[in-house]
Amino acid sequence: MSAVVVKLGGRGVDAAVSREPIIDALARLAAHEKLVIVHGGGAAIDARLDRLGIEPRRVQGLRITDDATMHEVVAALAGNINHALVGALLSRDINCAGLTLTGSGIRCRLRRPVDGVDLGRVGVVEPDEDAHQVDGLLALLGAGVVPVISCVGADDNGLALNVNADDAAAGVACALGASQLVLLTDTPGVLDADGRLIEELDRPEIERLIDSGIIAGGMIPKVRAALEMATRLHAPVRIASWAEADALWWREPHAPGGTIIRDDKPVALGGASHA
């Protein structure tokens, strides 16, 4: 499907809820593209945990999620943040609907341990596209509605799972056969050791930068989710800043900007068709 999936995370979520320019950029994009928004909200989760005296723990940028933490994840992401983000979008006349991964028909499963650490109730999107039931999402998009999806999933037994928002966005994009995935972050894109923007990355360079520590923390799952999408769909994946709301690509989604992740073949940004 010729749809653009945008993942909104970091301070970008707060900025959108506060009606900063990012919300107008999303409105411009929704005016001429079928748009799906997938959002995280790590800061809000951390704030809730702090009030409860629960110390956040992460491995390779992924939150270790026990039962108590999972309760706060659902309350923050599927509740307060999703509701506030939908309200902000409605204030810009964007016809939208708030959903979770589960409510979107996106099936998930428990993530395997990372570096030998059991992450608890952390999930990943089921990689088999045939497992997903996205007729509801397709119907919303066909009706001109923007799905706004929090990254709360569930396994086959209905157990709630915390899914990394970048992984969630990549999974949604793959399930829909989207024409482009955009991962918005607090930086202009992926930066080199000197803080300069890297305009394009492929698999060998990504692994080299991870091994050298230049790509670290939350950027690791971000670039790996982007690479998975680029490899599976041969579609462009962009990592860009939510703060650059006047960037050309918001009006022309296939224009250069941020860091473009490609698989073994160069990504042709101008080659995708529009619906």
Protein backbone atom coordinates (compact mmCIF):
# COMPACT_ATOMS: atom_id res chain seq x y z
CA MET A 1 0.00 0.00 0.00
CA SER A 2 1.19 3.51 -0.73
CA ALA A 3 1.13 4.63 2.88
CA VAL A 4 3.70 6.44 5.00
CA VAL A 5 4.24 5.11 8.52
CA VAL A 6 5.67 7.71 10.92
CA LYS A 7 7.03 6.75 14.32
CA LEU A 8 6.89 9.57 16.84
CA GLY A 9 9.05 9.24 19.94
CA GLY A 10 11.34 11.07 22.31
CA ARG A 11 10.52 14.71 22.94
CA GLY A 12 8.56 14.68 19.70
CA VAL A 13 5.58 13.15 21.50
CA ASP A 14 5.47 15.98 24.05
CA ALA A 15 5.98 18.54 21.27
CA ALA A 16 3.07 17.15 19.26
CA VAL A 17 0.78 17.07 22.30
CA SER A 18 1.79 20.70 23.04
CA ARG A 19 0.81 21.74 19.47
CA GLU A 20 4.36 22.65 18.48
CA PRO A 21 5.15 22.83 14.70
CA ILE A 22 5.50 19.03 14.43
CA ILE A 23 1.70 18.73 14.64
CA ASP A 24 1.30 21.02 11.61
CA ALA A 25 3.92 19.00 9.72
CA LEU A 26 1.93 15.83 10.38
CA ALA A 27 -1.21 17.61 9.16
CA ARG A 28 0.55 18.58 5.91
CA LEU A 29 1.71 15.02 5.38
CA ALA A 30 -1.76 13.62 6.07
CA ALA A 31 -3.24 16.02 3.51
CA HIS A 32 -1.59 14.20 0.59
CA GLU A 33 -0.51 10.77 1.90
CA LYS A 34 -2.19 7.85 3.60
CA LEU A 35 -0.59 8.26 7.02
CA VAL A 36 -0.17 5.95 10.00
CA ILE A 37 1.37 7.28 13.23
CA VAL A 38 3.00 4.91 15.72
CA HIS A 39 4.10 6.48 18.99
CA GLY A 40 6.15 5.70 22.06
CA GLY A 41 6.46 7.68 25.26
CA GLY A 42 9.45 6.58 27.27
CA ALA A 43 9.75 9.81 29.27
CA ALA A 44 6.15 9.56 30.47
CA ILE A 45 6.70 5.95 31.52
CA ASP A 46 9.87 6.89 33.41
CA ALA A 47 7.99 9.68 35.21
CA ARG A 48 5.28 7.27 36.33
CA LEU A 49 7.85 4.74 37.50
CA ASP A 50 9.75 7.43 39.38
CA ARG A 51 6.62 8.39 41.33
CA LEU A 52 6.28 4.73 42.34
CA GLY A 53 9.96 4.40 43.27
CA ILE A 54 10.63 1.91 40.47
CA GLU A 55 14.03 2.36 38.82
CA PRO A 56 13.94 1.98 35.00
CA ARG A 57 16.32 -0.65 33.63
CA ARG A 58 17.37 -1.06 29.99
CA VAL A 59 19.49 -3.40 27.88
CA GLN A 60 20.64 -2.14 24.45
CA GLY A 61 18.03 0.61 24.68
CA LEU A 62 15.19 -1.84 25.47
CA ARG A 63 13.21 -1.42 28.69
CA ILE A 64 13.16 -4.39 31.07
CA THR A 65 9.45 -4.76 31.79
CA ASP A 66 8.15 -6.64 34.82
CA ASP A 67 4.44 -6.82 35.69
CA ALA A 68 4.44 -3.56 37.65
CA THR A 69 6.25 -1.72 34.86
CA MET A 70 3.87 -3.18 32.27
CA HIS A 71 0.92 -1.70 34.15
CA GLU A 72 2.49 1.75 33.89
CA VAL A 73 3.39 1.24 30.21
CA VAL A 74 -0.25 0.53 29.35
CA ALA A 75 -1.52 3.47 31.40
CA ALA A 76 0.96 5.90 29.83
CA LEU A 77 0.99 4.76 26.20
CA ALA A 78 -2.48 3.36 25.53
CA GLY A 79 -4.10 5.84 27.90
CA ASN A 80 -2.78 9.33 28.55
CA ILE A 81 -0.39 9.78 25.62
CA ASN A 82 -2.58 8.24 22.93
CA HIS A 83 -5.59 10.25 24.05
CA ALA A 84 -3.61 13.50 24.18
CA LEU A 85 -1.99 12.91 20.79
CA VAL A 86 -5.33 12.15 19.13
CA GLY A 87 -6.71 15.35 20.65
CA ALA A 88 -3.80 17.38 19.29
CA LEU A 89 -4.28 15.94 15.81
CA LEU A 90 -8.03 16.59 15.90
CA SER A 91 -7.24 20.23 16.73
CA ARG A 92 -5.58 20.42 13.29
CA ASP A 93 -8.61 18.84 11.59
CA ILE A 94 -6.85 15.48 11.09
CA ASN A 95 -9.48 12.74 11.07
CA CYS A 96 -7.84 10.10 13.27
CA ALA A 97 -8.48 7.14 15.56
CA GLY A 98 -6.49 6.01 18.61
CA LEU A 99 -5.47 2.34 18.71
CA THR A 100 -2.99 -0.10 20.24
CA LEU A 101 -0.99 -2.64 18.24
CA THR A 102 -3.43 -5.27 19.48
CA GLY A 103 -6.45 -3.24 18.40
CA SER A 104 -4.81 -2.72 15.00
CA GLY A 105 -4.62 -6.46 14.36
CA ILE A 106 -0.83 -6.56 14.72
CA ARG A 107 0.19 -9.82 16.39
CA CYS A 108 3.15 -9.92 18.76
CA ARG A 109 5.21 -12.43 20.70
CA LEU A 110 7.72 -12.32 23.56
CA ARG A 111 11.18 -11.08 22.67
CA ARG A 112 14.09 -13.41 23.28
CA PRO A 113 16.65 -12.47 25.96
CA VAL A 114 19.18 -9.81 24.97
CA ASP A 115 22.80 -10.32 26.06
CA GLY A 116 21.52 -13.14 28.25
CA VAL A 117 19.04 -10.86 30.06
CA ASP A 118 15.34 -11.76 30.22
CA LEU A 119 13.49 -8.55 29.35
CA GLY A 120 10.22 -9.71 30.89
CA ARG A 121 7.05 -8.57 29.15
CA VAL A 122 8.80 -7.07 26.14
CA GLY A 123 7.43 -8.11 22.77
CA VAL A 124 8.24 -8.00 19.09
CA VAL A 125 5.89 -7.86 16.15
CA GLU A 126 5.29 -11.28 14.61
CA PRO A 127 7.49 -11.29 11.46
CA ASP A 128 5.05 -13.35 9.38
CA GLU A 129 2.86 -10.77 7.60
CA ASP A 130 0.19 -13.44 7.02
CA ALA A 131 -0.33 -13.61 10.82
CA HIS A 132 -1.69 -10.07 10.98
CA GLN A 133 -5.31 -9.05 10.54
CA VAL A 134 -5.01 -5.50 9.23
CA ASP A 135 -8.34 -5.23 7.41
CA GLY A 136 -9.44 -2.70 10.03
CA LEU A 137 -6.37 -0.54 9.43
CA LEU A 138 -6.88 -0.73 5.69
CA ALA A 139 -10.52 0.29 6.11
CA LEU A 140 -9.54 3.30 8.21
CA LEU A 141 -6.92 4.38 5.68
CA GLY A 142 -9.39 3.91 2.83
CA ALA A 143 -11.83 6.18 4.66
CA GLY A 144 -9.22 8.90 5.06
CA VAL A 145 -8.66 8.23 8.77
CA VAL A 146 -5.16 8.42 10.30
CA PRO A 147 -4.58 5.51 12.73
CA VAL A 148 -2.63 6.64 15.81
CA ILE A 149 -1.13 3.47 17.30
CA SER A 150 0.50 3.08 20.72
CA CYS A 151 3.17 0.39 20.93
CA VAL A 152 1.25 -1.85 23.35
CA GLY A 153 0.80 -5.36 22.01
CA ALA A 154 -0.33 -8.75 23.27
CA ASP A 155 0.72 -12.35 22.73
CA ASP A 156 -1.62 -15.14 21.59
CA ASN A 157 -2.78 -15.61 25.19
CA GLY A 158 -3.73 -11.96 25.56
CA LEU A 159 -0.77 -11.09 27.80
CA ALA A 160 0.05 -7.40 27.38
CA LEU A 161 3.50 -6.70 25.94
CA ASN A 162 5.68 -3.61 25.79
CA VAL A 163 6.97 -3.29 22.21
CA ASN A 164 9.81 -0.94 21.30
CA ALA A 165 8.19 1.84 19.26
CA ASP A 166 10.72 1.57 16.43
CA ASP A 167 10.13 -2.17 16.17
CA ALA A 168 6.39 -1.55 16.32
CA ALA A 169 6.49 1.00 13.51
CA ALA A 170 8.59 -1.32 11.35
CA GLY A 171 6.16 -4.16 12.02
CA VAL A 172 3.15 -2.03 11.09
CA ALA A 173 4.89 -0.82 7.93
CA CYS A 174 5.71 -4.39 6.88
CA ALA A 175 2.21 -5.67 7.65
CA LEU A 176 0.70 -2.90 5.51
CA GLY A 177 3.32 -3.07 2.77
CA ALA A 178 3.91 0.65 3.32
CA SER A 179 5.77 2.73 0.76
CA GLN A 180 7.92 4.44 3.39
CA LEU A 181 8.80 4.31 7.09
CA VAL A 182 9.93 7.43 8.95
CA LEU A 183 11.44 7.14 12.42
CA LEU A 184 11.40 10.55 14.10
CA THR A 185 13.91 11.18 16.84
CA ASP A 186 15.53 13.95 18.89
CA THR A 187 18.54 14.22 16.52
CA PRO A 188 18.75 15.18 12.82
CA GLY A 189 19.39 11.50 12.04
CA VAL A 190 22.28 9.12 12.69
CA LEU A 191 25.42 11.06 13.59
CA ASP A 192 29.06 10.12 13.14
CA ALA A 193 31.79 10.33 15.80
CA ASP A 194 32.11 14.09 15.14
CA GLY A 195 28.39 14.74 15.45
CA ARG A 196 27.83 15.15 11.71
CA LEU A 197 24.77 13.77 9.94
CA ILE A 198 25.27 10.51 8.04
CA GLU A 199 23.02 10.84 5.01
CA GLU A 200 22.89 7.13 4.07
CA LEU A 201 23.67 3.80 5.75
CA ASP A 202 23.66 0.14 4.75
CA ARG A 203 24.02 -3.07 6.79
CA PRO A 204 27.84 -3.34 6.95
CA GLU A 205 28.24 0.29 7.98
CA ILE A 206 25.49 0.02 10.60
CA GLU A 207 27.15 -3.00 12.22
CA ARG A 208 30.56 -1.29 12.11
CA LEU A 209 29.17 1.80 13.84
CA ILE A 210 27.44 -0.33 16.50
CA ASP A 211 30.61 -2.33 17.14
CA SER A 212 32.62 0.88 17.49
CA GLY A 213 30.10 2.41 19.90
CA ILE A 214 29.19 5.32 17.62
CA ILE A 215 25.64 3.97 17.32
CA ALA A 216 24.60 3.19 20.91
CA GLY A 217 21.66 3.10 23.33
CA GLY A 218 18.22 3.68 21.86
CA MET A 219 19.66 4.29 18.39
CA ILE A 220 20.59 0.58 18.12
CA PRO A 221 17.01 -0.77 17.93
CA LYS A 222 16.10 2.22 15.77
CA VAL A 223 18.64 1.51 13.02
CA ARG A 224 18.03 -2.23 13.20
CA ALA A 225 14.27 -1.76 12.85
CA ALA A 226 14.93 0.56 9.91
CA LEU A 227 17.25 -1.96 8.28
CA GLU A 228 14.70 -4.76 8.69
CA MET A 229 12.08 -2.66 6.95
CA ALA A 230 14.44 -1.67 4.12
CA THR A 231 15.47 -5.28 3.61
CA ARG A 232 11.98 -6.79 3.68
CA LEU A 233 10.18 -4.18 1.59
CA HIS A 234 13.00 -2.64 -0.44
CA ALA A 235 11.41 0.64 0.57
CA PRO A 236 13.10 3.79 1.88
CA VAL A 237 13.44 4.18 5.62
CA ARG A 238 14.23 7.59 7.04
CA ILE A 239 15.56 8.52 10.48
CA ALA A 240 14.98 12.24 10.93
CA SER A 241 14.30 14.95 13.51
CA TRP A 242 10.78 15.76 14.63
CA ALA A 243 12.01 19.32 15.30
CA GLU A 244 12.75 20.02 11.61
CA ALA A 245 9.09 20.56 10.80
CA ASP A 246 9.87 22.74 7.78
CA ALA A 247 12.03 20.11 6.04
CA LEU A 248 11.14 19.50 2.39
CA TRP A 249 10.35 15.83 2.87
CA TRP A 250 7.25 16.67 4.93
CA ARG A 251 5.73 18.07 1.73
CA GLU A 252 7.53 15.74 -0.67
CA PRO A 253 7.99 12.45 1.24
CA HIS A 254 10.52 11.10 -1.24
CA ALA A 255 12.87 14.09 -1.05
CA PRO A 256 16.23 13.65 0.75
CA GLY A 257 16.53 14.45 4.45
CA GLY A 258 17.74 12.87 7.67
CA THR A 259 19.50 9.51 7.36
CA ILE A 260 18.26 7.07 4.72
CA ILE A 261 18.66 3.38 5.61
CA ARG A 262 18.96 1.02 2.67
CA ASP A 263 19.49 -2.69 2.21
CA ASP A 264 22.10 -4.07 -0.20
CA LYS A 265 20.68 -2.04 -3.07
CA PRO A 266 20.48 1.78 -3.21
CA VAL A 267 17.09 3.17 -2.22
CA ALA A 268 15.42 5.20 -4.97
CA LEU A 269 13.54 7.89 -3.08
CA GLY A 270 11.70 9.11 -6.15
CA GLY A 271 10.49 5.72 -7.27
CA ALA A 272 7.48 5.10 -5.03
CA SER A 273 4.00 5.86 -6.26
CA HIS A 274 1.41 7.90 -4.43
CA ALA A 275 -2.17 6.89 -3.69
